[in-house]
PDB file of N, CA and C in Angstrom:
ATOM      1  N   UNK A   1     -10.232  -9.886  15.661  1.00  0.00           N
ATOM      2  CA  UNK A   1      -9.331  -8.508  15.391  1.00  0.00           C
ATOM      3  C   UNK A   1      -7.732  -8.878  15.365  1.00  0.00           C
ATOM      4  N   UNK A   2      -7.137  -8.375  14.365  1.00  0.00           N
ATOM      5  CA  UNK A   2      -5.779  -8.536  14.169  1.00  0.00           C
ATOM      6  C   UNK A   2      -4.855  -7.796  15.248  1.00  0.00           C
ATOM      7  N   UNK A   3      -3.527  -8.395  15.532  1.00  0.00           N
ATOM      8  CA  UNK A   3      -2.867  -7.524  16.487  1.00  0.00           C
ATOM      9  C   UNK A   3      -1.700  -7.130  15.462  1.00  0.00           C
ATOM     10  N   UNK A   4      -1.089  -5.902  15.807  1.00  0.00           N
ATOM     11  CA  UNK A   4       0.020  -5.353  15.244  1.00  0.00           C
ATOM     12  C   UNK A   4       1.320  -6.085  15.827  1.00  0.00           C
ATOM     13  N   UNK A   5       1.804  -7.107  15.319  1.00  0.00           N
ATOM     14  CA  UNK A   5       2.963  -7.803  15.746  1.00  0.00           C
ATOM     15  C   UNK A   5       3.760  -8.066  14.573  1.00  0.00           C
ATOM     16  N   UNK A   6       4.989  -8.687  14.828  1.00  0.00           N
ATOM     17  CA  UNK A   6       5.735  -8.982  13.780  1.00  0.00           C
ATOM     18  C   UNK A   6       5.274  -9.785  12.699  1.00  0.00           C
ATOM     19  N   UNK A   7       4.422 -10.866  13.307  1.00  0.00           N
ATOM     20  CA  UNK A   7       3.893 -11.714  12.060  1.00  0.00           C
ATOM     21  C   UNK A   7       2.980 -10.890  11.322  1.00  0.00           C
ATOM     22  N   UNK A   8       2.124 -10.067  11.772  1.00  0.00           N
ATOM     23  CA  UNK A   8       1.148  -9.203  10.962  1.00  0.00           C
ATOM     24  C   UNK A   8       2.150  -8.358   9.952  1.00  0.00           C
ATOM     25  N   UNK A   9       3.034  -7.592  10.499  1.00  0.00           N
ATOM     26  CA  UNK A   9       3.875  -7.000   9.551  1.00  0.00           C
ATOM     27  C   UNK A   9       4.559  -7.675   8.276  1.00  0.00           C
ATOM     28  N   UNK A  10       4.993  -8.924   8.796  1.00  0.00           N
ATOM     29  CA  UNK A  10       5.440  -9.839   7.593  1.00  0.00           C
ATOM     30  C   UNK A  10       4.416 -10.196   6.790  1.00  0.00           C
ATOM     31  N   UNK A  11       3.201 -10.407   7.250  1.00  0.00           N
ATOM     32  CA  UNK A  11       2.131 -10.849   6.164  1.00  0.00           C
ATOM     33  C   UNK A  11       1.727  -9.853   5.256  1.00  0.00           C
ATOM     34  N   UNK A  12       1.635  -8.587   5.906  1.00  0.00           N
ATOM     35  CA  UNK A  12       1.468  -7.359   5.094  1.00  0.00           C
ATOM     36  C   UNK A  12       2.578  -7.318   3.985  1.00  0.00           C
ATOM     37  N   UNK A  13       3.559  -7.243   4.444  1.00  0.00           N
ATOM     38  CA  UNK A  13       4.943  -7.078   3.486  1.00  0.00           C
ATOM     39  C   UNK A  13       4.852  -8.143   2.424  1.00  0.00           C
ATOM     40  N   UNK A  14       4.408  -9.366   2.682  1.00  0.00           N
ATOM     41  CA  UNK A  14       4.559 -10.466   1.647  1.00  0.00           C
ATOM     42  C   UNK A  14       3.509 -10.285   0.571  1.00  0.00           C
ATOM     43  N   UNK A  15       2.192  -9.624   1.075  1.00  0.00           N
ATOM     44  CA  UNK A  15       1.289  -9.123   0.027  1.00  0.00           C
ATOM     45  C   UNK A  15       1.827  -7.936  -0.837  1.00  0.00           C
ATOM     46  N   UNK A  16       2.546  -7.025  -0.066  1.00  0.00           N
ATOM     47  CA  UNK A  16       2.972  -5.777  -0.769  1.00  0.00           C
ATOM     48  C   UNK A  16       3.987  -6.094  -1.760  1.00  0.00           C
ATOM     49  N   UNK A  17       4.860  -7.195  -1.569  1.00  0.00           N
ATOM     50  CA  UNK A  17       5.734  -7.689  -2.582  1.00  0.00           C
ATOM     51  C   UNK A  17       5.158  -8.221  -3.704  1.00  0.00           C
ATOM     52  N   UNK A  18       3.949  -8.725  -3.899  1.00  0.00           N
ATOM     53  CA  UNK A  18       3.250  -8.975  -4.990  1.00  0.00           C
ATOM     54  C   UNK A  18       2.597  -8.086  -5.733  1.00  0.00           C
ATOM     55  N   UNK A  19       2.487  -6.908  -5.273  1.00  0.00           N
ATOM     56  CA  UNK A  19       1.860  -5.694  -6.234  1.00  0.00           C
ATOM     57  C   UNK A  19       2.910  -5.659  -7.455  1.00  0.00           C
ATOM     58  N   UNK A  20       2.406  -5.449  -8.558  1.00  0.00           N
ATOM     59  CA  UNK A  20       3.252  -5.454  -9.757  1.00  0.00           C
ATOM     60  C   UNK A  20       3.463  -4.050  -9.992  1.00  0.00           C
ATOM     61  N   UNK A  21       4.611  -3.969 -10.719  1.00  0.00           N
ATOM     62  CA  UNK A  21       5.023  -2.457 -11.141  1.00  0.00           C
ATOM     63  C   UNK A  21       3.806  -2.093 -11.913  1.00  0.00           C
ATOM     64  N   UNK A  22       3.696  -0.583 -11.692  1.00  0.00           N
ATOM     65  CA  UNK A  22       2.455   0.144 -12.475  1.00  0.00           C
ATOM     66  C   UNK A  22       1.069  -0.044 -11.803  1.00  0.00           C
ATOM     67  N   UNK A  23       1.084  -0.757 -10.639  1.00  0.00           N
ATOM     68  CA  UNK A  23      -0.145  -1.081 -10.027  1.00  0.00           C
ATOM     69  C   UNK A  23      -0.120  -0.696  -8.524  1.00  0.00           C
ATOM     70  N   UNK A  24      -1.331  -0.328  -8.029  1.00  0.00           N
ATOM     71  CA  UNK A  24      -1.470   0.032  -6.518  1.00  0.00           C
ATOM     72  C   UNK A  24      -2.328  -0.904  -5.941  1.00  0.00           C
ATOM     73  N   UNK A  25      -2.163  -0.923  -4.538  1.00  0.00           N
ATOM     74  CA  UNK A  25      -3.228  -1.801  -3.603  1.00  0.00           C
ATOM     75  C   UNK A  25      -3.542  -0.900  -2.588  1.00  0.00           C
ATOM     76  N   UNK A  26      -5.015  -1.043  -2.092  1.00  0.00           N
ATOM     77  CA  UNK A  26      -5.204  -0.121  -0.954  1.00  0.00           C
ATOM     78  C   UNK A  26      -4.918  -0.732   0.233  1.00  0.00           C
ATOM     79  N   UNK A  27      -4.917   0.056   1.515  1.00  0.00           N
ATOM     80  CA  UNK A  27      -4.726  -0.766   2.770  1.00  0.00           C
ATOM     81  C   UNK A  27      -5.908  -1.637   3.000  1.00  0.00           C
ATOM     82  N   UNK A  28      -7.072  -1.348   2.563  1.00  0.00           N
ATOM     83  CA  UNK A  28      -8.273  -2.194   2.749  1.00  0.00           C
ATOM     84  C   UNK A  28      -8.054  -3.523   2.024  1.00  0.00           C
ATOM     85  N   UNK A  29      -7.653  -3.242   0.784  1.00  0.00           N
ATOM     86  CA  UNK A  29      -7.396  -4.492   0.132  1.00  0.00           C
ATOM     87  C   UNK A  29      -6.516  -5.482   0.786  1.00  0.00           C
ATOM     88  N   UNK A  30      -5.488  -5.068   1.052  1.00  0.00           N
ATOM     89  CA  UNK A  30      -4.386  -5.908   1.832  1.00  0.00           C
ATOM     90  C   UNK A  30      -5.033  -6.429   2.958  1.00  0.00           C
ATOM     91  N   UNK A  31      -5.810  -5.665   3.792  1.00  0.00           N
ATOM     92  CA  UNK A  31      -6.328  -6.349   4.879  1.00  0.00           C
ATOM     93  C   UNK A  31      -7.370  -7.314   4.726  1.00  0.00           C
ATOM     94  N   UNK A  32      -8.049  -7.348   3.551  1.00  0.00           N
ATOM     95  CA  UNK A  32      -8.976  -8.304   3.155  1.00  0.00           C
ATOM     96  C   UNK A  32      -8.318  -9.461   2.531  1.00  0.00           C
ATOM     97  N   UNK A  33      -7.157  -9.148   1.926  1.00  0.00           N
ATOM     98  CA  UNK A  33      -6.363 -10.657   1.274  1.00  0.00           C
ATOM     99  C   UNK A  33      -5.792 -11.255   2.558  1.00  0.00           C
ATOM    100  N   UNK A  34      -5.464 -10.660   3.595  1.00  0.00           N
ATOM    101  CA  UNK A  34      -5.009 -11.269   4.967  1.00  0.00           C
ATOM    102  C   UNK A  34      -6.193 -11.949   5.679  1.00  0.00           C
ATOM    103  N   UNK A  35      -7.369 -11.544   5.356  1.00  0.00           N
ATOM    104  CA  UNK A  35      -8.577 -12.152   6.109  1.00  0.00           C
ATOM    105  C   UNK A  35      -8.907 -11.230   7.263  1.00  0.00           C
ATOM    106  N   UNK A  36      -8.410  -9.912   7.242  1.00  0.00           N
ATOM    107  CA  UNK A  36      -8.745  -9.000   8.262  1.00  0.00           C
ATOM    108  C   UNK A  36      -9.466  -7.751   7.625  1.00  0.00           C
ATOM    109  N   UNK A  37     -10.708  -7.970   7.059  1.00  0.00           N
ATOM    110  CA  UNK A  37     -11.320  -6.972   6.239  1.00  0.00           C
ATOM    111  C   UNK A  37     -11.592  -5.653   6.928  1.00  0.00           C
ATOM    112  N   UNK A  38     -11.611  -5.711   8.147  1.00  0.00           N
ATOM    113  CA  UNK A  38     -11.978  -4.460   8.945  1.00  0.00           C
ATOM    114  C   UNK A  38     -10.832  -3.842   9.608  1.00  0.00           C
ATOM    115  N   UNK A  39      -9.591  -4.157   9.248  1.00  0.00           N
ATOM    116  CA  UNK A  39      -8.241  -3.651   9.810  1.00  0.00           C
ATOM    117  C   UNK A  39      -7.343  -3.031   8.869  1.00  0.00           C
ATOM    118  N   UNK A  40      -7.949  -2.123   8.100  1.00  0.00           N
ATOM    119  CA  UNK A  40      -7.210  -1.396   6.980  1.00  0.00           C
ATOM    120  C   UNK A  40      -6.141  -0.411   7.594  1.00  0.00           C
ATOM    121  N   UNK A  41      -6.706   0.369   8.558  1.00  0.00           N
ATOM    122  CA  UNK A  41      -5.721   1.183   9.579  1.00  0.00           C
ATOM    123  C   UNK A  41      -4.639   0.578  10.092  1.00  0.00           C
ATOM    124  N   UNK A  42      -4.963  -0.779  10.561  1.00  0.00           N
ATOM    125  CA  UNK A  42      -3.974  -1.507  11.141  1.00  0.00           C
ATOM    126  C   UNK A  42      -2.604  -1.869  10.115  1.00  0.00           C
ATOM    127  N   UNK A  43      -3.126  -2.029   8.833  1.00  0.00           N
ATOM    128  CA  UNK A  43      -2.320  -2.279   7.771  1.00  0.00           C
ATOM    129  C   UNK A  43      -1.513  -1.124   7.441  1.00  0.00           C
ATOM    130  N   UNK A  44      -2.100  -0.019   7.452  1.00  0.00           N
ATOM    131  CA  UNK A  44      -1.252   1.442   7.487  1.00  0.00           C
ATOM    132  C   UNK A  44      -0.493   1.568   8.490  1.00  0.00           C
ATOM    133  N   UNK A  45      -0.759   1.294   9.715  1.00  0.00           N
ATOM    134  CA  UNK A  45       0.186   1.492  10.838  1.00  0.00           C
ATOM    135  C   UNK A  45       1.416   0.597  10.505  1.00  0.00           C
ATOM    136  N   UNK A  46       1.100  -0.805  10.346  1.00  0.00           N
ATOM    137  CA  UNK A  46       2.050  -1.741  10.203  1.00  0.00           C
ATOM    138  C   UNK A  46       3.246  -1.216   9.053  1.00  0.00           C
ATOM    139  N   UNK A  47       2.749  -0.632   8.044  1.00  0.00           N
ATOM    140  CA  UNK A  47       3.637   0.115   7.085  1.00  0.00           C
ATOM    141  C   UNK A  47       4.423   1.160   7.520  1.00  0.00           C
ATOM    142  N   UNK A  48       3.692   1.817   8.327  1.00  0.00           N
ATOM    143  CA  UNK A  48       4.167   3.150   8.886  1.00  0.00           C
ATOM    144  C   UNK A  48       5.513   2.860   9.631  1.00  0.00           C
ATOM    145  N   UNK A  49       5.332   1.758  10.539  1.00  0.00           N
ATOM    146  CA  UNK A  49       6.225   1.425  11.515  1.00  0.00           C
ATOM    147  C   UNK A  49       7.327   0.265  11.087  1.00  0.00           C
ATOM    148  N   UNK A  50       7.019  -0.274  10.119  1.00  0.00           N
ATOM    149  CA  UNK A  50       7.817  -1.398   9.658  1.00  0.00           C
ATOM    150  C   UNK A  50       9.164  -1.250   9.413  1.00  0.00           C
ATOM    151  N   UNK A  51       9.630   0.156   9.065  1.00  0.00           N
ATOM    152  CA  UNK A  51      11.322   0.475   9.216  1.00  0.00           C
ATOM    153  C   UNK A  51      11.993  -0.494   8.377  1.00  0.00           C
ATOM    154  N   UNK A  52      13.198  -1.089   8.853  1.00  0.00           N
ATOM    155  CA  UNK A  52      14.176  -1.862   8.133  1.00  0.00           C
ATOM    156  C   UNK A  52      13.296  -3.304   7.815  1.00  0.00           C
ATOM    157  N   UNK A  53      12.217  -3.646   8.396  1.00  0.00           N
ATOM    158  CA  UNK A  53      11.514  -4.885   7.835  1.00  0.00           C
ATOM    159  C   UNK A  53      11.102  -4.459   6.422  1.00  0.00           C
ATOM    160  N   UNK A  54      10.763  -3.448   6.158  1.00  0.00           N
ATOM    161  CA  UNK A  54      10.217  -3.066   4.596  1.00  0.00           C
ATOM    162  C   UNK A  54      11.304  -2.659   3.726  1.00  0.00           C
ATOM    163  N   UNK A  55      12.394  -2.742   4.089  1.00  0.00           N
ATOM    164  CA  UNK A  55      13.658  -2.319   2.777  1.00  0.00           C
ATOM    165  C   UNK A  55      13.491  -3.384   1.943  1.00  0.00           C
ATOM    166  N   UNK A  56      13.362  -2.918   0.530  1.00  0.00           N
ATOM    167  CA  UNK A  56      13.298  -3.657  -0.339  1.00  0.00           C
ATOM    168  C   UNK A  56      11.885  -4.144  -0.969  1.00  0.00           C
ATOM    169  N   UNK A  57      10.971  -3.783  -0.099  1.00  0.00           N
ATOM    170  CA  UNK A  57       9.576  -4.097  -0.428  1.00  0.00           C
ATOM    171  C   UNK A  57       9.068  -2.755  -1.245  1.00  0.00           C
ATOM    172  N   UNK A  58       8.166  -2.739  -2.157  1.00  0.00           N
ATOM    173  CA  UNK A  58       7.544  -1.907  -2.921  1.00  0.00           C
ATOM    174  C   UNK A  58       6.435  -1.107  -2.181  1.00  0.00           C
ATOM    175  N   UNK A  59       6.664  -0.639  -0.912  1.00  0.00           N
ATOM    176  CA  UNK A  59       5.570  -0.103  -0.040  1.00  0.00           C
ATOM    177  C   UNK A  59       4.915   1.284  -0.564  1.00  0.00           C
ATOM    178  N   UNK A  60       5.666   1.919  -1.778  1.00  0.00           N
ATOM    179  CA  UNK A  60       5.118   2.971  -2.343  1.00  0.00           C
ATOM    180  C   UNK A  60       3.997   2.552  -3.002  1.00  0.00           C
ATOM    181  N   UNK A  61       3.570   1.363  -3.201  1.00  0.00           N
ATOM    182  CA  UNK A  61       2.702   0.976  -4.253  1.00  0.00           C
ATOM    183  C   UNK A  61       1.415   0.809  -3.387  1.00  0.00           C
ATOM    184  N   UNK A  62       1.193   1.285  -2.079  1.00  0.00           N
ATOM    185  CA  UNK A  62       0.100   1.153  -1.233  1.00  0.00           C
ATOM    186  C   UNK A  62      -0.531   2.639  -0.896  1.00  0.00           C
ATOM    187  N   UNK A  63      -1.797   2.767  -1.365  1.00  0.00           N
ATOM    188  CA  UNK A  63      -2.545   4.019  -1.161  1.00  0.00           C
ATOM    189  C   UNK A  63      -3.906   3.826  -0.424  1.00  0.00           C
ATOM    190  N   UNK A  64      -4.392   4.819  -0.131  1.00  0.00           N
ATOM    191  CA  UNK A  64      -5.731   4.566   0.796  1.00  0.00           C
ATOM    192  C   UNK A  64      -6.828   4.409  -0.297  1.00  0.00           C
ATOM    193  N   UNK A  65      -8.231   4.243   0.064  1.00  0.00           N
ATOM    194  CA  UNK A  65      -9.276   3.856  -0.813  1.00  0.00           C
ATOM    195  C   UNK A  65      -9.609   4.849  -1.794  1.00  0.00           C
ATOM    196  N   UNK A  66      -9.176   6.272  -1.575  1.00  0.00           N
ATOM    197  CA  UNK A  66      -9.586   7.197  -2.374  1.00  0.00           C
ATOM    198  C   UNK A  66      -8.389   7.532  -3.326  1.00  0.00           C
ATOM    199  N   UNK A  67      -7.174   6.654  -3.384  1.00  0.00           N
ATOM    200  CA  UNK A  67      -6.154   6.703  -4.051  1.00  0.00           C
ATOM    201  C   UNK A  67      -5.048   7.769  -3.492  1.00  0.00           C
ATOM    202  N   UNK A  68      -5.267   8.376  -2.230  1.00  0.00           N
ATOM    203  CA  UNK A  68      -4.444   9.256  -1.798  1.00  0.00           C
ATOM    204  C   UNK A  68      -3.093   8.659  -1.229  1.00  0.00           C
ATOM    205  N   UNK A  69      -2.056   9.319  -1.295  1.00  0.00           N
ATOM    206  CA  UNK A  69      -0.717   8.897  -0.810  1.00  0.00           C
ATOM    207  C   UNK A  69      -0.624   9.145   0.498  1.00  0.00           C
ATOM    208  N   UNK A  70       0.382   8.333   0.984  1.00  0.00           N
ATOM    209  CA  UNK A  70       0.686   8.252   2.543  1.00  0.00           C
ATOM    210  C   UNK A  70       1.361   9.579   2.935  1.00  0.00           C
ATOM    211  N   UNK A  71       0.652  10.131   4.121  1.00  0.00           N
ATOM    212  CA  UNK A  71       1.028  11.379   4.609  1.00  0.00           C
ATOM    213  C   UNK A  71       2.654  11.106   4.882  1.00  0.00           C
ATOM    214  N   UNK A  72       3.572  12.114   4.789  1.00  0.00           N
ATOM    215  CA  UNK A  72       4.939  11.979   5.303  1.00  0.00           C
ATOM    216  C   UNK A  72       5.927  11.082   4.285  1.00  0.00           C
ATOM    217  N   UNK A  73       5.216  10.696   3.123  1.00  0.00           N
ATOM    218  CA  UNK A  73       6.297   9.927   2.253  1.00  0.00           C
ATOM    219  C   UNK A  73       6.258  10.819   1.048  1.00  0.00           C
ATOM    220  N   UNK A  74       7.333  11.661   1.189  1.00  0.00           N
ATOM    221  CA  UNK A  74       7.583  12.569  -0.025  1.00  0.00           C
ATOM    222  C   UNK A  74       7.901  12.062  -1.306  1.00  0.00           C
ATOM    223  N   UNK A  75       8.599  10.736  -1.242  1.00  0.00           N
ATOM    224  CA  UNK A  75       9.190  10.178  -2.548  1.00  0.00           C
ATOM    225  C   UNK A  75       7.875   9.233  -3.217  1.00  0.00           C
ATOM    226  N   UNK A  76       6.855   8.949  -2.477  1.00  0.00           N
ATOM    227  CA  UNK A  76       6.078   7.984  -2.982  1.00  0.00           C
ATOM    228  C   UNK A  76       5.450   8.571  -4.431  1.00  0.00           C
ATOM    229  N   UNK A  77       5.056   9.661  -4.781  1.00  0.00           N
ATOM    230  CA  UNK A  77       4.440  10.168  -5.874  1.00  0.00           C
ATOM    231  C   UNK A  77       5.523   9.923  -7.222  1.00  0.00           C
ATOM    232  N   UNK A  78       6.883  10.229  -6.855  1.00  0.00           N
ATOM    233  CA  UNK A  78       7.824  10.311  -7.791  1.00  0.00           C
ATOM    234  C   UNK A  78       8.191   8.657  -8.241  1.00  0.00           C
ATOM    235  N   UNK A  79       8.116   7.781  -7.102  1.00  0.00           N
ATOM    236  CA  UNK A  79       8.369   6.604  -7.363  1.00  0.00           C
ATOM    237  C   UNK A  79       7.262   5.955  -8.465  1.00  0.00           C
ATOM    238  N   UNK A  80       6.047   6.270  -7.988  1.00  0.00           N
ATOM    239  CA  UNK A  80       4.811   5.746  -8.718  1.00  0.00           C
ATOM    240  C   UNK A  80       4.681   6.456  -9.921  1.00  0.00           C
ATOM    241  N   UNK A  81       5.137   7.653 -10.370  1.00  0.00           N
ATOM    242  CA  UNK A  81       5.386   8.146 -11.510  1.00  0.00           C
ATOM    243  C   UNK A  81       6.359   7.451 -12.414  1.00  0.00           C
ATOM    244  N   UNK A  82       7.462   7.175 -11.774  1.00  0.00           N
ATOM    245  CA  UNK A  82       8.442   6.246 -12.572  1.00  0.00           C
ATOM    246  C   UNK A  82       7.887   5.064 -13.050  1.00  0.00           C
ATOM    247  N   UNK A  83       7.113   4.464 -12.375  1.00  0.00           N
ATOM    248  CA  UNK A  83       6.361   3.191 -12.694  1.00  0.00           C
ATOM    249  C   UNK A  83       5.211   3.329 -13.816  1.00  0.00           C
ATOM    250  N   UNK A  84       4.906   4.546 -14.114  1.00  0.00           N
ATOM    251  CA  UNK A  84       3.862   4.745 -15.097  1.00  0.00           C
ATOM    252  C   UNK A  84       2.449   5.131 -14.568  1.00  0.00           C
ATOM    253  N   UNK A  85       2.486   5.317 -13.238  1.00  0.00           N
ATOM    254  CA  UNK A  85       1.231   5.336 -12.644  1.00  0.00           C
ATOM    255  C   UNK A  85       0.707   6.677 -12.848  1.00  0.00           C
ATOM    256  N   UNK A  86      -0.574   6.757 -13.193  1.00  0.00           N
ATOM    257  CA  UNK A  86      -1.167   8.173 -13.515  1.00  0.00           C
ATOM    258  C   UNK A  86      -1.862   8.791 -12.306  1.00  0.00           C
ATOM    259  N   UNK A  87      -1.892   9.980 -12.241  1.00  0.00           N
ATOM    260  CA  UNK A  87      -2.507  10.812 -11.097  1.00  0.00           C
ATOM    261  C   UNK A  87      -3.703  11.468 -11.674  1.00  0.00           C
ATOM    262  N   UNK A  88      -4.822  11.802 -10.982  1.00  0.00           N
ATOM    263  CA  UNK A  88      -5.827  12.484 -11.247  1.00  0.00           C
ATOM    264  C   UNK A  88      -5.391  13.998 -10.824  1.00  0.00           C
ATOM    265  N   UNK A  89      -6.310  14.878 -11.420  1.00  0.00           N
ATOM    266  CA  UNK A  89      -5.990  16.337 -11.037  1.00  0.00           C
ATOM    267  C   UNK A  89      -5.778  16.823  -9.577  1.00  0.00           C
ATOM    268  N   UNK A  90      -6.633  15.918  -8.603  1.00  0.00           N
ATOM    269  CA  UNK A  90      -6.610  16.250  -7.256  1.00  0.00           C
ATOM    270  C   UNK A  90      -5.470  15.452  -6.621  1.00  0.00           C
ATOM    271  N   UNK A  91      -4.574  14.989  -7.121  1.00  0.00           N
ATOM    272  CA  UNK A  91      -3.384  14.142  -6.856  1.00  0.00           C
ATOM    273  C   UNK A  91      -3.559  12.842  -6.328  1.00  0.00           C
ATOM    274  N   UNK A  92      -4.550  12.455  -6.436  1.00  0.00           N
ATOM    275  CA  UNK A  92      -4.918  10.826  -6.026  1.00  0.00           C
ATOM    276  C   UNK A  92      -4.581  10.142  -7.163  1.00  0.00           C
ATOM    277  N   UNK A  93      -4.133   8.695  -7.047  1.00  0.00           N
ATOM    278  CA  UNK A  93      -3.724   7.880  -7.963  1.00  0.00           C
ATOM    279  C   UNK A  93      -5.017   7.588  -8.562  1.00  0.00           C
ATOM    280  N   UNK A  94      -5.084   7.198 -10.024  1.00  0.00           N
ATOM    281  CA  UNK A  94      -6.194   6.930 -10.831  1.00  0.00           C
ATOM    282  C   UNK A  94      -6.467   5.279 -10.632  1.00  0.00           C
ATOM    283  N   UNK A  95      -7.167   5.012  -9.510  1.00  0.00           N
ATOM    284  CA  UNK A  95      -7.631   3.697  -9.099  1.00  0.00           C
ATOM    285  C   UNK A  95      -8.214   2.879 -10.287  1.00  0.00           C
ATOM    286  N   UNK A  96      -8.976   3.413 -11.046  1.00  0.00           N
ATOM    287  CA  UNK A  96      -9.693   2.797 -12.012  1.00  0.00           C
ATOM    288  C   UNK A  96      -8.838   2.229 -13.112  1.00  0.00           C
ATOM    289  N   UNK A  97      -7.649   2.884 -13.340  1.00  0.00           N
ATOM    290  CA  UNK A  97      -6.639   2.462 -14.010  1.00  0.00           C
ATOM    291  C   UNK A  97      -5.507   1.484 -13.504  1.00  0.00           C
ATOM    292  N   UNK A  98      -5.300   1.964 -12.211  1.00  0.00           N
ATOM    293  CA  UNK A  98      -3.952   1.344 -11.702  1.00  0.00           C
ATOM    294  C   UNK A  98      -4.165   0.304 -10.464  1.00  0.00           C
ATOM    295  N   UNK A  99      -5.449   0.018 -10.149  1.00  0.00           N
ATOM    296  CA  UNK A  99      -5.625  -0.555  -8.864  1.00  0.00           C
ATOM    297  C   UNK A  99      -5.356  -2.208  -9.301  1.00  0.00           C
ATOM    298  N   UNK A 100      -4.476  -2.783  -8.439  1.00  0.00           N
ATOM    299  CA  UNK A 100      -4.170  -4.031  -8.592  1.00  0.00           C
ATOM    300  C   UNK A 100      -5.233  -5.028  -8.532  1.00  0.00           C
ATOM    301  N   UNK A 101      -5.614  -5.853  -9.282  1.00  0.00           N
ATOM    302  CA  UNK A 101      -6.812  -6.923  -9.350  1.00  0.00           C
ATOM    303  C   UNK A 101      -6.175  -8.325  -8.753  1.00  0.00           C
ATOM    304  N   UNK A 102      -5.861  -8.208  -7.548  1.00  0.00           N
ATOM    305  CA  UNK A 102      -5.299  -9.664  -6.836  1.00  0.00           C
ATOM    306  C   UNK A 102      -6.339 -10.608  -6.656  1.00  0.00           C
TER     307      UNK A 102
END
């Protein structure tokens, strides 16, 4: 089980930094890449509280497993649209088209 500490947050941000423009990753995908397959929620929590650590990182490119946007992140959809990411009618990112294949 991973612990939510500064090292964990930096590991999350290092992976987030690799997500290319026009692509998205899921919380679970990031957790798996870190070797913590069952810690998707912890990845989400790390991104939620990362604050100034995350400045300059493309955190807007991270969505949940259904392609839903982060609650309370009002600009996320606009940032993704600016990068050419398409959304389905239900407001979720089209993961078949935009999921990052890391």
